[in-house]
Amino acid sequence: MNAPLRHTLLLVDDHPMMRRGIRQMLELEDDLQIVGEASHGEEALTLIEPLKPDLVLLDNNMPQMNGIETLRRLRAMHYTGKVLLFTVSDAEDDIRDALRLDANGYLLKDMEPELLIQYIRDALNGALVISPGLTRVMAQALRSPPRQTDVELTERERQVLKTIAGGYSNKVIGHKLGITEGTVKVHVKNLLHKLGLRSRVEAAVWAMEHLRGAG
């Protein structure tokens, strides 16, 4: 019987007790494996290349280099794995900066352990994950003109937007909608231009604000 696929994680937090608690929790999961720990951003950057983790769980409020700057440096290094900010801050500036730097999620440390595990799995599967209650804050943080609210969207564009809001990759969207990945890319590019948006994250927020409950 084959062993289950194990996704690798790097924990980055300046509090040893927090890292220990997360490690002990995740060691009970067959599909998740902690391969390294770092107490600050500089240390985390030195571990990325040798460990090549699938996901970095990243605190924001750390000495020497905070989580936002660490994320910025990770993306500058062309790290393509998942990065989740795991923090006590619900400040709009932090949320905006994290998501515009291509974070895969923004989670608050007061959540239940079971929910954290689920969000980690969701992020590894390509979803954008946000703590419950932060959707409105996230929308406010990413709101910046020009943003169009009265544009006419085709039915296909609405379908693509809804799947973007679900956190799906272009490949998965294509499979769901029965179109090629290349066609999805064209739709996404056209949608961003039409709506005056700069990223898939902003498109996801737009969809949450304007397509909620729409058919």
N, C-alpha and C. Protein backbone atom coordinates (compact mmCIF):
# COMPACT_ATOMS: atom_id res chain seq x y z
N MET A 1 0.86 -1.19 0.00
CA MET A 1 0.00 0.00 0.00
C MET A 1 0.89 1.24 0.00
N ASN A 2 0.67 2.15 -0.94
CA ASN A 2 1.51 3.33 -1.05
C ASN A 2 1.25 4.29 0.09
N ALA A 3 2.33 4.94 0.58
CA ALA A 3 2.18 5.95 1.61
C ALA A 3 1.52 7.19 1.02
N PRO A 4 0.70 7.92 1.81
CA PRO A 4 0.04 9.10 1.29
C PRO A 4 1.05 10.18 0.94
N LEU A 5 0.72 11.01 -0.07
CA LEU A 5 1.57 12.12 -0.44
C LEU A 5 1.68 13.09 0.73
N ARG A 6 2.89 13.48 1.07
CA ARG A 6 3.11 14.39 2.20
C ARG A 6 3.58 15.74 1.67
N HIS A 7 2.84 16.77 2.01
CA HIS A 7 3.23 18.13 1.67
C HIS A 7 4.17 18.65 2.75
N THR A 8 5.22 19.36 2.34
CA THR A 8 6.23 19.83 3.28
C THR A 8 5.98 21.29 3.65
N LEU A 9 6.24 21.62 4.93
CA LEU A 9 5.98 22.97 5.44
C LEU A 9 7.19 23.50 6.17
N LEU A 10 7.39 24.81 6.06
CA LEU A 10 8.38 25.54 6.84
C LEU A 10 7.63 26.48 7.78
N LEU A 11 7.92 26.41 9.08
CA LEU A 11 7.30 27.28 10.07
C LEU A 11 8.23 28.44 10.36
N VAL A 12 7.68 29.66 10.28
CA VAL A 12 8.48 30.85 10.55
C VAL A 12 7.76 31.69 11.59
N ASP A 13 8.28 31.69 12.81
CA ASP A 13 7.66 32.42 13.91
C ASP A 13 8.71 32.63 14.98
N ASP A 14 8.74 33.82 15.59
CA ASP A 14 9.76 34.11 16.58
C ASP A 14 9.43 33.56 17.97
N HIS A 15 8.26 32.95 18.13
CA HIS A 15 7.88 32.38 19.42
C HIS A 15 8.05 30.85 19.39
N PRO A 16 9.01 30.31 20.13
CA PRO A 16 9.24 28.86 20.12
C PRO A 16 8.01 28.06 20.53
N MET A 17 7.24 28.57 21.48
CA MET A 17 6.06 27.84 21.93
C MET A 17 5.02 27.73 20.81
N MET A 18 4.90 28.80 20.02
CA MET A 18 3.95 28.75 18.90
C MET A 18 4.40 27.72 17.88
N ARG A 19 5.70 27.72 17.55
CA ARG A 19 6.20 26.73 16.58
C ARG A 19 6.02 25.32 17.11
N ARG A 20 6.30 25.12 18.39
CA ARG A 20 6.17 23.79 18.98
C ARG A 20 4.73 23.32 18.93
N GLY A 21 3.79 24.21 19.25
CA GLY A 21 2.38 23.83 19.24
C GLY A 21 1.90 23.45 17.85
N ILE A 22 2.30 24.24 16.85
CA ILE A 22 1.90 23.93 15.47
C ILE A 22 2.53 22.62 15.01
N ARG A 23 3.80 22.43 15.35
CA ARG A 23 4.48 21.18 14.97
C ARG A 23 3.77 19.98 15.57
N GLN A 24 3.47 20.03 16.85
CA GLN A 24 2.81 18.90 17.51
C GLN A 24 1.45 18.63 16.89
N MET A 25 0.75 19.68 16.51
CA MET A 25 -0.57 19.52 15.90
C MET A 25 -0.46 18.87 14.52
N LEU A 26 0.50 19.35 13.71
CA LEU A 26 0.61 18.86 12.34
C LEU A 26 1.25 17.48 12.25
N GLU A 27 2.01 17.10 13.28
CA GLU A 27 2.62 15.77 13.28
C GLU A 27 1.57 14.67 13.34
N LEU A 28 0.35 15.03 13.71
CA LEU A 28 -0.74 14.05 13.77
C LEU A 28 -1.39 13.84 12.40
N GLU A 29 -1.01 14.67 11.41
CA GLU A 29 -1.62 14.61 10.08
C GLU A 29 -0.71 13.83 9.13
N ASP A 30 -1.26 12.81 8.48
CA ASP A 30 -0.47 11.96 7.60
C ASP A 30 0.03 12.66 6.34
N ASP A 31 -0.67 13.72 5.92
CA ASP A 31 -0.34 14.35 4.64
C ASP A 31 0.47 15.63 4.77
N LEU A 32 0.82 16.02 6.01
CA LEU A 32 1.56 17.26 6.23
C LEU A 32 2.83 16.97 7.04
N GLN A 33 3.95 17.56 6.62
CA GLN A 33 5.22 17.28 7.28
C GLN A 33 6.01 18.58 7.47
N ILE A 34 6.38 18.88 8.71
CA ILE A 34 7.23 20.02 9.00
C ILE A 34 8.67 19.64 8.68
N VAL A 35 9.29 20.37 7.75
CA VAL A 35 10.67 20.05 7.38
C VAL A 35 11.67 21.06 7.91
N GLY A 36 11.17 22.15 8.50
CA GLY A 36 12.09 23.14 9.05
C GLY A 36 11.36 24.21 9.83
N GLU A 37 12.14 24.91 10.68
CA GLU A 37 11.61 26.03 11.46
C GLU A 37 12.60 27.18 11.39
N ALA A 38 12.06 28.40 11.45
CA ALA A 38 12.89 29.59 11.50
C ALA A 38 12.28 30.57 12.49
N SER A 39 13.15 31.31 13.19
CA SER A 39 12.68 32.24 14.20
C SER A 39 12.58 33.67 13.68
N HIS A 40 13.03 33.91 12.44
CA HIS A 40 12.91 35.23 11.83
C HIS A 40 13.06 35.10 10.31
N GLY A 41 12.76 36.18 9.60
CA GLY A 41 12.72 36.13 8.16
C GLY A 41 14.05 35.80 7.51
N GLU A 42 15.13 36.40 8.01
CA GLU A 42 16.45 36.14 7.41
C GLU A 42 16.78 34.66 7.46
N GLU A 43 16.49 34.02 8.58
CA GLU A 43 16.75 32.60 8.71
C GLU A 43 15.90 31.80 7.74
N ALA A 44 14.64 32.22 7.59
CA ALA A 44 13.73 31.52 6.67
C ALA A 44 14.26 31.54 5.25
N LEU A 45 14.80 32.69 4.82
CA LEU A 45 15.30 32.82 3.46
C LEU A 45 16.45 31.86 3.18
N THR A 46 17.25 31.58 4.20
CA THR A 46 18.38 30.67 4.00
C THR A 46 17.93 29.22 3.91
N LEU A 47 16.70 28.93 4.35
CA LEU A 47 16.22 27.55 4.37
C LEU A 47 15.41 27.16 3.13
N ILE A 48 14.97 28.16 2.38
CA ILE A 48 14.09 27.89 1.25
C ILE A 48 14.75 26.99 0.22
N GLU A 49 15.95 27.32 -0.20
CA GLU A 49 16.60 26.55 -1.26
C GLU A 49 16.93 25.12 -0.84
N PRO A 50 17.52 24.90 0.35
CA PRO A 50 17.83 23.50 0.71
C PRO A 50 16.59 22.68 1.04
N LEU A 51 15.55 23.29 1.59
CA LEU A 51 14.37 22.53 2.02
C LEU A 51 13.28 22.46 0.94
N LYS A 52 13.18 23.51 0.14
CA LYS A 52 12.15 23.58 -0.92
C LYS A 52 10.76 23.19 -0.39
N PRO A 53 10.27 23.86 0.64
CA PRO A 53 8.96 23.50 1.21
C PRO A 53 7.83 23.80 0.23
N ASP A 54 6.77 23.02 0.33
CA ASP A 54 5.58 23.30 -0.48
C ASP A 54 4.83 24.52 0.03
N LEU A 55 4.96 24.79 1.34
CA LEU A 55 4.21 25.90 1.94
C LEU A 55 5.02 26.49 3.08
N VAL A 56 5.00 27.81 3.18
CA VAL A 56 5.61 28.53 4.29
C VAL A 56 4.50 29.15 5.13
N LEU A 57 4.45 28.78 6.41
CA LEU A 57 3.50 29.39 7.35
C LEU A 57 4.27 30.49 8.07
N LEU A 58 3.90 31.75 7.82
CA LEU A 58 4.75 32.89 8.10
C LEU A 58 4.10 33.88 9.06
N ASP A 59 4.72 34.05 10.22
CA ASP A 59 4.29 35.10 11.15
C ASP A 59 4.63 36.46 10.55
N ASN A 60 3.92 37.49 10.99
CA ASN A 60 4.22 38.83 10.47
C ASN A 60 5.06 39.64 11.44
N ASN A 61 4.69 39.66 12.71
CA ASN A 61 5.37 40.50 13.69
C ASN A 61 6.60 39.78 14.25
N MET A 62 7.73 39.96 13.57
CA MET A 62 8.97 39.31 13.98
C MET A 62 10.10 40.33 13.99
N PRO A 63 11.12 40.12 14.83
CA PRO A 63 12.27 41.02 14.83
C PRO A 63 13.11 40.82 13.57
N GLN A 64 13.94 41.81 13.28
CA GLN A 64 14.89 41.78 12.17
C GLN A 64 14.21 41.93 10.81
N MET A 65 13.25 41.07 10.52
CA MET A 65 12.52 41.16 9.25
C MET A 65 11.11 40.64 9.45
N ASN A 66 10.11 41.49 9.22
CA ASN A 66 8.74 41.03 9.45
C ASN A 66 8.26 40.13 8.32
N GLY A 67 7.06 39.62 8.48
CA GLY A 67 6.53 38.66 7.52
C GLY A 67 6.30 39.25 6.14
N ILE A 68 5.83 40.50 6.07
CA ILE A 68 5.57 41.13 4.77
C ILE A 68 6.87 41.27 3.99
N GLU A 69 7.91 41.74 4.65
CA GLU A 69 9.19 41.90 3.95
C GLU A 69 9.78 40.53 3.59
N THR A 70 9.59 39.55 4.47
CA THR A 70 10.05 38.19 4.15
C THR A 70 9.34 37.67 2.91
N LEU A 71 8.04 37.89 2.83
CA LEU A 71 7.26 37.48 1.66
C LEU A 71 7.78 38.18 0.41
N ARG A 72 8.05 39.47 0.53
CA ARG A 72 8.58 40.22 -0.62
C ARG A 72 9.89 39.60 -1.10
N ARG A 73 10.76 39.25 -0.16
CA ARG A 73 12.05 38.67 -0.52
C ARG A 73 11.88 37.26 -1.10
N LEU A 74 10.94 36.51 -0.57
CA LEU A 74 10.69 35.17 -1.09
C LEU A 74 10.27 35.24 -2.56
N ARG A 75 9.36 36.14 -2.88
CA ARG A 75 8.90 36.26 -4.26
C ARG A 75 10.01 36.80 -5.15
N ALA A 76 10.87 37.66 -4.62
CA ALA A 76 12.01 38.16 -5.39
C ALA A 76 12.99 37.03 -5.70
N MET A 77 13.02 36.02 -4.82
CA MET A 77 13.87 34.84 -5.03
C MET A 77 13.21 33.85 -5.99
N HIS A 78 12.00 34.18 -6.46
CA HIS A 78 11.22 33.34 -7.36
C HIS A 78 10.76 32.05 -6.67
N TYR A 79 10.53 32.15 -5.37
CA TYR A 79 9.92 31.02 -4.66
C TYR A 79 8.48 30.91 -5.11
N THR A 80 8.10 29.76 -5.64
CA THR A 80 6.76 29.58 -6.21
C THR A 80 5.83 28.76 -5.33
N GLY A 81 6.31 28.37 -4.14
CA GLY A 81 5.46 27.62 -3.23
C GLY A 81 4.40 28.51 -2.60
N LYS A 82 3.57 27.91 -1.78
CA LYS A 82 2.50 28.65 -1.12
C LYS A 82 3.04 29.37 0.12
N VAL A 83 2.49 30.55 0.38
CA VAL A 83 2.86 31.31 1.57
C VAL A 83 1.59 31.78 2.26
N LEU A 84 1.45 31.41 3.54
CA LEU A 84 0.32 31.85 4.35
C LEU A 84 0.82 32.75 5.46
N LEU A 85 0.31 33.97 5.53
CA LEU A 85 0.57 34.83 6.67
C LEU A 85 -0.29 34.34 7.83
N PHE A 86 0.34 34.13 8.98
CA PHE A 86 -0.35 33.62 10.17
C PHE A 86 0.01 34.56 11.30
N THR A 87 -0.93 35.44 11.69
CA THR A 87 -0.56 36.60 12.48
C THR A 87 -1.69 37.02 13.40
N VAL A 88 -1.40 37.99 14.26
CA VAL A 88 -2.43 38.56 15.13
C VAL A 88 -2.98 39.86 14.54
N SER A 89 -2.36 40.35 13.46
CA SER A 89 -2.74 41.65 12.91
C SER A 89 -3.86 41.53 11.88
N ASP A 90 -4.91 42.33 12.09
CA ASP A 90 -5.96 42.42 11.07
C ASP A 90 -5.95 43.81 10.43
N ALA A 91 -4.78 44.46 10.45
CA ALA A 91 -4.65 45.80 9.87
C ALA A 91 -4.81 45.74 8.35
N GLU A 92 -5.55 46.69 7.80
CA GLU A 92 -5.79 46.72 6.36
C GLU A 92 -4.48 46.78 5.58
N ASP A 93 -3.53 47.57 6.04
CA ASP A 93 -2.27 47.71 5.32
C ASP A 93 -1.55 46.37 5.21
N ASP A 94 -1.55 45.60 6.29
CA ASP A 94 -0.87 44.30 6.27
C ASP A 94 -1.56 43.34 5.31
N ILE A 95 -2.89 43.32 5.34
CA ILE A 95 -3.64 42.43 4.46
C ILE A 95 -3.41 42.82 3.01
N ARG A 96 -3.49 44.12 2.72
CA ARG A 96 -3.30 44.60 1.35
C ARG A 96 -1.90 44.25 0.84
N ASP A 97 -0.89 44.53 1.67
CA ASP A 97 0.48 44.27 1.23
C ASP A 97 0.71 42.79 1.01
N ALA A 98 0.19 41.95 1.91
CA ALA A 98 0.40 40.50 1.79
C ALA A 98 -0.22 39.96 0.51
N LEU A 99 -1.45 40.35 0.23
CA LEU A 99 -2.14 39.81 -0.93
C LEU A 99 -1.58 40.37 -2.24
N ARG A 100 -1.14 41.60 -2.23
CA ARG A 100 -0.55 42.17 -3.44
C ARG A 100 0.84 41.61 -3.69
N LEU A 101 1.44 41.01 -2.67
CA LEU A 101 2.72 40.32 -2.86
C LEU A 101 2.50 38.84 -3.15
N ASP A 102 1.28 38.49 -3.50
CA ASP A 102 0.95 37.13 -3.94
C ASP A 102 0.98 36.12 -2.80
N ALA A 103 0.58 36.54 -1.59
CA ALA A 103 0.35 35.57 -0.53
C ALA A 103 -0.82 34.69 -0.92
N ASN A 104 -0.81 33.46 -0.44
CA ASN A 104 -1.89 32.52 -0.75
C ASN A 104 -2.96 32.51 0.33
N GLY A 105 -2.77 33.33 1.35
CA GLY A 105 -3.77 33.42 2.39
C GLY A 105 -3.32 34.32 3.52
N TYR A 106 -4.30 34.76 4.32
CA TYR A 106 -4.04 35.63 5.46
C TYR A 106 -4.91 35.12 6.61
N LEU A 107 -4.25 34.55 7.61
CA LEU A 107 -4.96 33.87 8.70
C LEU A 107 -4.61 34.50 10.04
N LEU A 108 -5.61 34.59 10.91
CA LEU A 108 -5.40 35.11 12.26
C LEU A 108 -5.15 33.97 13.24
N LYS A 109 -4.31 34.24 14.22
CA LYS A 109 -3.87 33.19 15.13
C LYS A 109 -4.94 32.77 16.14
N ASP A 110 -6.07 33.46 16.18
CA ASP A 110 -7.10 33.08 17.15
C ASP A 110 -8.05 32.01 16.62
N MET A 111 -7.75 31.43 15.45
CA MET A 111 -8.65 30.43 14.88
C MET A 111 -8.46 29.07 15.54
N GLU A 112 -9.44 28.21 15.38
CA GLU A 112 -9.37 26.87 15.92
C GLU A 112 -8.33 26.05 15.15
N PRO A 113 -7.61 25.16 15.85
CA PRO A 113 -6.57 24.36 15.19
C PRO A 113 -7.08 23.58 13.99
N GLU A 114 -8.27 23.01 14.09
CA GLU A 114 -8.81 22.22 12.99
C GLU A 114 -9.01 23.07 11.74
N LEU A 115 -9.40 24.34 11.95
CA LEU A 115 -9.61 25.23 10.82
C LEU A 115 -8.28 25.60 10.17
N LEU A 116 -7.25 25.79 10.97
CA LEU A 116 -5.92 26.07 10.42
C LEU A 116 -5.47 24.93 9.52
N ILE A 117 -5.63 23.71 9.98
CA ILE A 117 -5.24 22.54 9.18
C ILE A 117 -6.00 22.52 7.88
N GLN A 118 -7.30 22.79 7.93
CA GLN A 118 -8.11 22.78 6.70
C GLN A 118 -7.65 23.86 5.74
N TYR A 119 -7.34 25.07 6.27
CA TYR A 119 -6.89 26.16 5.41
C TYR A 119 -5.54 25.85 4.78
N ILE A 120 -4.66 25.19 5.52
CA ILE A 120 -3.37 24.79 4.96
C ILE A 120 -3.61 23.85 3.77
N ARG A 121 -4.47 22.88 3.95
CA ARG A 121 -4.77 21.95 2.87
C ARG A 121 -5.42 22.67 1.68
N ASP A 122 -6.33 23.59 1.96
CA ASP A 122 -6.99 24.33 0.88
C ASP A 122 -5.96 25.14 0.09
N ALA A 123 -5.05 25.80 0.79
CA ALA A 123 -4.02 26.59 0.12
C ALA A 123 -3.12 25.71 -0.73
N LEU A 124 -2.76 24.56 -0.21
CA LEU A 124 -1.93 23.63 -0.97
C LEU A 124 -2.64 23.15 -2.24
N ASN A 125 -3.97 23.16 -2.21
CA ASN A 125 -4.76 22.76 -3.38
C ASN A 125 -5.08 23.93 -4.31
N GLY A 126 -4.52 25.11 -3.99
CA GLY A 126 -4.66 26.23 -4.90
C GLY A 126 -5.65 27.30 -4.51
N ALA A 127 -6.31 27.17 -3.35
CA ALA A 127 -7.31 28.16 -2.94
C ALA A 127 -6.65 29.35 -2.25
N LEU A 128 -7.29 30.51 -2.35
CA LEU A 128 -6.93 31.68 -1.57
C LEU A 128 -7.71 31.60 -0.27
N VAL A 129 -7.01 31.56 0.89
CA VAL A 129 -7.68 31.34 2.16
C VAL A 129 -7.58 32.58 3.04
N ILE A 130 -8.70 32.96 3.62
CA ILE A 130 -8.79 34.14 4.46
C ILE A 130 -9.55 33.79 5.73
N SER A 131 -9.07 34.26 6.87
CA SER A 131 -9.76 33.99 8.13
C SER A 131 -11.21 34.46 8.07
N PRO A 132 -12.12 33.70 8.71
CA PRO A 132 -13.51 34.15 8.79
C PRO A 132 -13.58 35.55 9.40
N GLY A 133 -14.39 36.38 8.81
CA GLY A 133 -14.54 37.73 9.34
C GLY A 133 -13.61 38.76 8.70
N LEU A 134 -12.65 38.30 7.91
CA LEU A 134 -11.70 39.24 7.30
C LEU A 134 -12.07 39.61 5.87
N THR A 135 -13.11 39.00 5.32
CA THR A 135 -13.45 39.28 3.93
C THR A 135 -13.75 40.75 3.70
N ARG A 136 -14.52 41.36 4.62
CA ARG A 136 -14.86 42.78 4.46
C ARG A 136 -13.62 43.66 4.61
N VAL A 137 -12.78 43.31 5.59
CA VAL A 137 -11.54 44.07 5.78
C VAL A 137 -10.65 43.93 4.54
N MET A 138 -10.59 42.71 3.99
CA MET A 138 -9.78 42.48 2.80
C MET A 138 -10.30 43.30 1.63
N ALA A 139 -11.62 43.33 1.46
CA ALA A 139 -12.20 44.10 0.37
C ALA A 139 -11.87 45.58 0.52
N GLN A 140 -11.97 46.10 1.73
CA GLN A 140 -11.65 47.51 1.98
C GLN A 140 -10.18 47.78 1.73
N ALA A 141 -9.33 46.84 2.15
CA ALA A 141 -7.89 47.03 2.01
C ALA A 141 -7.47 47.08 0.55
N LEU A 142 -8.15 46.32 -0.30
CA LEU A 142 -7.76 46.24 -1.70
C LEU A 142 -8.53 47.21 -2.58
N ARG A 143 -9.45 47.96 -1.99
CA ARG A 143 -10.26 48.88 -2.78
C ARG A 143 -9.43 50.09 -3.16
N SER A 144 -9.25 50.30 -4.44
CA SER A 144 -8.49 51.46 -4.91
C SER A 144 -8.96 51.82 -6.31
N PRO A 145 -9.19 53.11 -6.61
CA PRO A 145 -9.64 53.50 -7.93
C PRO A 145 -8.51 53.35 -8.94
N PRO A 146 -8.81 53.21 -10.24
CA PRO A 146 -10.17 53.08 -10.75
C PRO A 146 -10.67 51.65 -10.64
N ARG A 147 -11.85 51.51 -10.12
CA ARG A 147 -12.47 50.19 -10.06
C ARG A 147 -13.88 50.31 -10.58
N GLN A 148 -14.19 49.58 -11.61
CA GLN A 148 -15.48 49.68 -12.27
C GLN A 148 -16.51 48.82 -11.56
N THR A 149 -17.69 49.37 -11.34
CA THR A 149 -18.74 48.60 -10.67
C THR A 149 -19.98 48.43 -11.55
N ASP A 150 -20.02 49.16 -12.68
CA ASP A 150 -21.23 49.13 -13.50
C ASP A 150 -20.97 48.53 -14.88
N VAL A 151 -19.93 47.72 -15.00
CA VAL A 151 -19.60 47.13 -16.30
C VAL A 151 -20.54 45.97 -16.60
N GLU A 152 -20.73 45.72 -17.89
CA GLU A 152 -21.54 44.59 -18.33
C GLU A 152 -20.62 43.39 -18.57
N LEU A 153 -20.90 42.30 -17.89
CA LEU A 153 -20.10 41.09 -18.04
C LEU A 153 -20.90 40.04 -18.80
N THR A 154 -20.21 39.30 -19.64
CA THR A 154 -20.86 38.18 -20.31
C THR A 154 -21.04 37.05 -19.30
N GLU A 155 -21.87 36.10 -19.64
CA GLU A 155 -22.09 34.97 -18.76
C GLU A 155 -20.80 34.20 -18.53
N ARG A 156 -19.99 34.05 -19.58
CA ARG A 156 -18.72 33.34 -19.43
C ARG A 156 -17.78 34.11 -18.51
N GLU A 157 -17.75 35.44 -18.63
CA GLU A 157 -16.90 36.24 -17.75
C GLU A 157 -17.34 36.11 -16.30
N ARG A 158 -18.63 36.05 -16.08
CA ARG A 158 -19.13 35.87 -14.71
C ARG A 158 -18.71 34.50 -14.17
N GLN A 159 -18.77 33.49 -15.02
CA GLN A 159 -18.35 32.15 -14.59
C GLN A 159 -16.86 32.13 -14.23
N VAL A 160 -16.06 32.77 -15.06
CA VAL A 160 -14.62 32.81 -14.79
C VAL A 160 -14.34 33.56 -13.49
N LEU A 161 -15.03 34.69 -13.27
CA LEU A 161 -14.84 35.47 -12.05
C LEU A 161 -15.18 34.65 -10.81
N LYS A 162 -16.28 33.91 -10.88
CA LYS A 162 -16.69 33.11 -9.73
C LYS A 162 -15.65 32.04 -9.41
N THR A 163 -15.07 31.44 -10.44
CA THR A 163 -14.06 30.41 -10.18
C THR A 163 -12.77 31.04 -9.68
N ILE A 164 -12.44 32.25 -10.13
CA ILE A 164 -11.28 32.97 -9.58
C ILE A 164 -11.50 33.21 -8.09
N ALA A 165 -12.71 33.63 -7.73
CA ALA A 165 -13.03 33.87 -6.32
C ALA A 165 -12.93 32.59 -5.50
N GLY A 166 -13.12 31.44 -6.16
CA GLY A 166 -12.98 30.16 -5.47
C GLY A 166 -11.54 29.75 -5.26
N GLY A 167 -10.60 30.54 -5.82
CA GLY A 167 -9.19 30.26 -5.63
C GLY A 167 -8.61 29.23 -6.58
N TYR A 168 -9.33 28.93 -7.66
CA TYR A 168 -8.88 27.88 -8.57
C TYR A 168 -7.82 28.40 -9.54
N SER A 169 -6.93 27.52 -9.96
CA SER A 169 -5.91 27.85 -10.95
C SER A 169 -6.55 27.90 -12.33
N ASN A 170 -5.83 28.48 -13.30
CA ASN A 170 -6.33 28.55 -14.67
C ASN A 170 -6.63 27.16 -15.23
N LYS A 171 -5.77 26.19 -14.90
CA LYS A 171 -5.96 24.83 -15.40
C LYS A 171 -7.26 24.24 -14.86
N VAL A 172 -7.51 24.42 -13.57
CA VAL A 172 -8.73 23.89 -12.96
C VAL A 172 -9.96 24.62 -13.49
N ILE A 173 -9.85 25.94 -13.66
CA ILE A 173 -10.96 26.70 -14.21
C ILE A 173 -11.32 26.19 -15.60
N GLY A 174 -10.29 25.97 -16.42
CA GLY A 174 -10.54 25.45 -17.75
C GLY A 174 -11.26 24.12 -17.72
N HIS A 175 -10.84 23.24 -16.82
CA HIS A 175 -11.49 21.93 -16.69
C HIS A 175 -12.95 22.09 -16.27
N LYS A 176 -13.19 22.98 -15.31
CA LYS A 176 -14.55 23.17 -14.81
C LYS A 176 -15.48 23.75 -15.88
N LEU A 177 -14.94 24.65 -16.70
CA LEU A 177 -15.77 25.35 -17.67
C LEU A 177 -15.71 24.74 -19.06
N GLY A 178 -14.86 23.72 -19.24
CA GLY A 178 -14.77 23.06 -20.53
C GLY A 178 -14.09 23.89 -21.59
N ILE A 179 -13.10 24.71 -21.17
CA ILE A 179 -12.34 25.52 -22.12
C ILE A 179 -10.86 25.30 -21.86
N THR A 180 -10.01 25.75 -22.78
CA THR A 180 -8.58 25.52 -22.62
C THR A 180 -8.00 26.49 -21.60
N GLU A 181 -6.82 26.12 -21.07
CA GLU A 181 -6.13 26.98 -20.11
C GLU A 181 -5.76 28.31 -20.76
N GLY A 182 -5.38 28.26 -22.04
CA GLY A 182 -5.05 29.49 -22.76
C GLY A 182 -6.24 30.43 -22.86
N THR A 183 -7.42 29.86 -23.10
CA THR A 183 -8.64 30.68 -23.17
C THR A 183 -8.94 31.32 -21.82
N VAL A 184 -8.70 30.57 -20.75
CA VAL A 184 -8.91 31.12 -19.40
C VAL A 184 -8.00 32.32 -19.19
N LYS A 185 -6.73 32.20 -19.60
CA LYS A 185 -5.78 33.30 -19.44
C LYS A 185 -6.25 34.55 -20.17
N VAL A 186 -6.80 34.36 -21.36
CA VAL A 186 -7.31 35.50 -22.12
C VAL A 186 -8.48 36.14 -21.39
N HIS A 187 -9.40 35.32 -20.87
CA HIS A 187 -10.55 35.85 -20.12
C HIS A 187 -10.08 36.63 -18.90
N VAL A 188 -9.10 36.09 -18.16
CA VAL A 188 -8.61 36.76 -16.94
C VAL A 188 -8.00 38.11 -17.30
N LYS A 189 -7.17 38.13 -18.34
CA LYS A 189 -6.54 39.39 -18.77
C LYS A 189 -7.59 40.42 -19.17
N ASN A 190 -8.60 39.99 -19.93
CA ASN A 190 -9.65 40.91 -20.36
C ASN A 190 -10.48 41.41 -19.18
N LEU A 191 -10.75 40.51 -18.22
CA LEU A 191 -11.52 40.90 -17.04
C LEU A 191 -10.78 41.95 -16.22
N LEU A 192 -9.49 41.75 -16.00
CA LEU A 192 -8.71 42.71 -15.21
C LEU A 192 -8.74 44.08 -15.89
N HIS A 193 -8.60 44.09 -17.21
CA HIS A 193 -8.64 45.36 -17.95
C HIS A 193 -10.02 46.00 -17.86
N LYS A 194 -11.05 45.20 -18.07
CA LYS A 194 -12.42 45.73 -18.08
C LYS A 194 -12.82 46.30 -16.71
N LEU A 195 -12.38 45.65 -15.65
CA LEU A 195 -12.77 46.05 -14.30
C LEU A 195 -11.80 47.05 -13.67
N GLY A 196 -10.69 47.34 -14.34
CA GLY A 196 -9.73 48.28 -13.78
C GLY A 196 -8.99 47.71 -12.59
N LEU A 197 -8.71 46.39 -12.61
CA LEU A 197 -8.05 45.71 -11.51
C LEU A 197 -6.64 45.31 -11.92
N ARG A 198 -5.82 44.97 -10.90
CA ARG A 198 -4.41 44.69 -11.18
C ARG A 198 -4.00 43.24 -10.94
N SER A 199 -4.85 42.45 -10.28
CA SER A 199 -4.42 41.10 -9.93
C SER A 199 -5.63 40.18 -9.78
N ARG A 200 -5.35 38.89 -9.74
CA ARG A 200 -6.40 37.89 -9.51
C ARG A 200 -7.01 38.07 -8.12
N VAL A 201 -6.20 38.48 -7.15
CA VAL A 201 -6.73 38.69 -5.81
C VAL A 201 -7.79 39.79 -5.83
N GLU A 202 -7.48 40.91 -6.51
CA GLU A 202 -8.47 41.98 -6.59
C GLU A 202 -9.71 41.52 -7.36
N ALA A 203 -9.52 40.68 -8.37
CA ALA A 203 -10.67 40.14 -9.10
C ALA A 203 -11.52 39.26 -8.19
N ALA A 204 -10.86 38.48 -7.32
CA ALA A 204 -11.60 37.63 -6.38
C ALA A 204 -12.41 38.48 -5.43
N VAL A 205 -11.81 39.57 -4.94
CA VAL A 205 -12.54 40.47 -4.03
C VAL A 205 -13.71 41.12 -4.75
N TRP A 206 -13.49 41.56 -6.00
CA TRP A 206 -14.57 42.17 -6.78
C TRP A 206 -15.73 41.19 -6.91
N ALA A 207 -15.40 39.94 -7.20
CA ALA A 207 -16.45 38.92 -7.35
C ALA A 207 -17.20 38.72 -6.04
N MET A 208 -16.48 38.70 -4.92
CA MET A 208 -17.13 38.53 -3.62
C MET A 208 -18.10 39.68 -3.34
N GLU A 209 -17.70 40.89 -3.77
CA GLU A 209 -18.53 42.06 -3.50
C GLU A 209 -19.73 42.18 -4.42
N HIS A 210 -19.55 41.80 -5.70
CA HIS A 210 -20.57 42.12 -6.71
C HIS A 210 -21.31 40.91 -7.28
N LEU A 211 -20.77 39.72 -7.09
CA LEU A 211 -21.44 38.54 -7.66
C LEU A 211 -22.04 37.65 -6.59
N ARG A 212 -21.93 38.05 -5.33
CA ARG A 212 -22.46 37.22 -4.26
C ARG A 212 -23.94 37.00 -4.45
N GLY A 213 -24.32 35.72 -4.52
CA GLY A 213 -25.73 35.37 -4.67
C GLY A 213 -26.25 35.49 -6.08
N ALA A 214 -25.36 35.95 -7.00
CA ALA A 214 -25.82 36.09 -8.38
C ALA A 214 -25.82 34.75 -9.07
N GLY A 215 -26.69 34.56 -10.02
CA GLY A 215 -26.77 33.30 -10.73
C GLY A 215 -25.80 33.21 -11.86
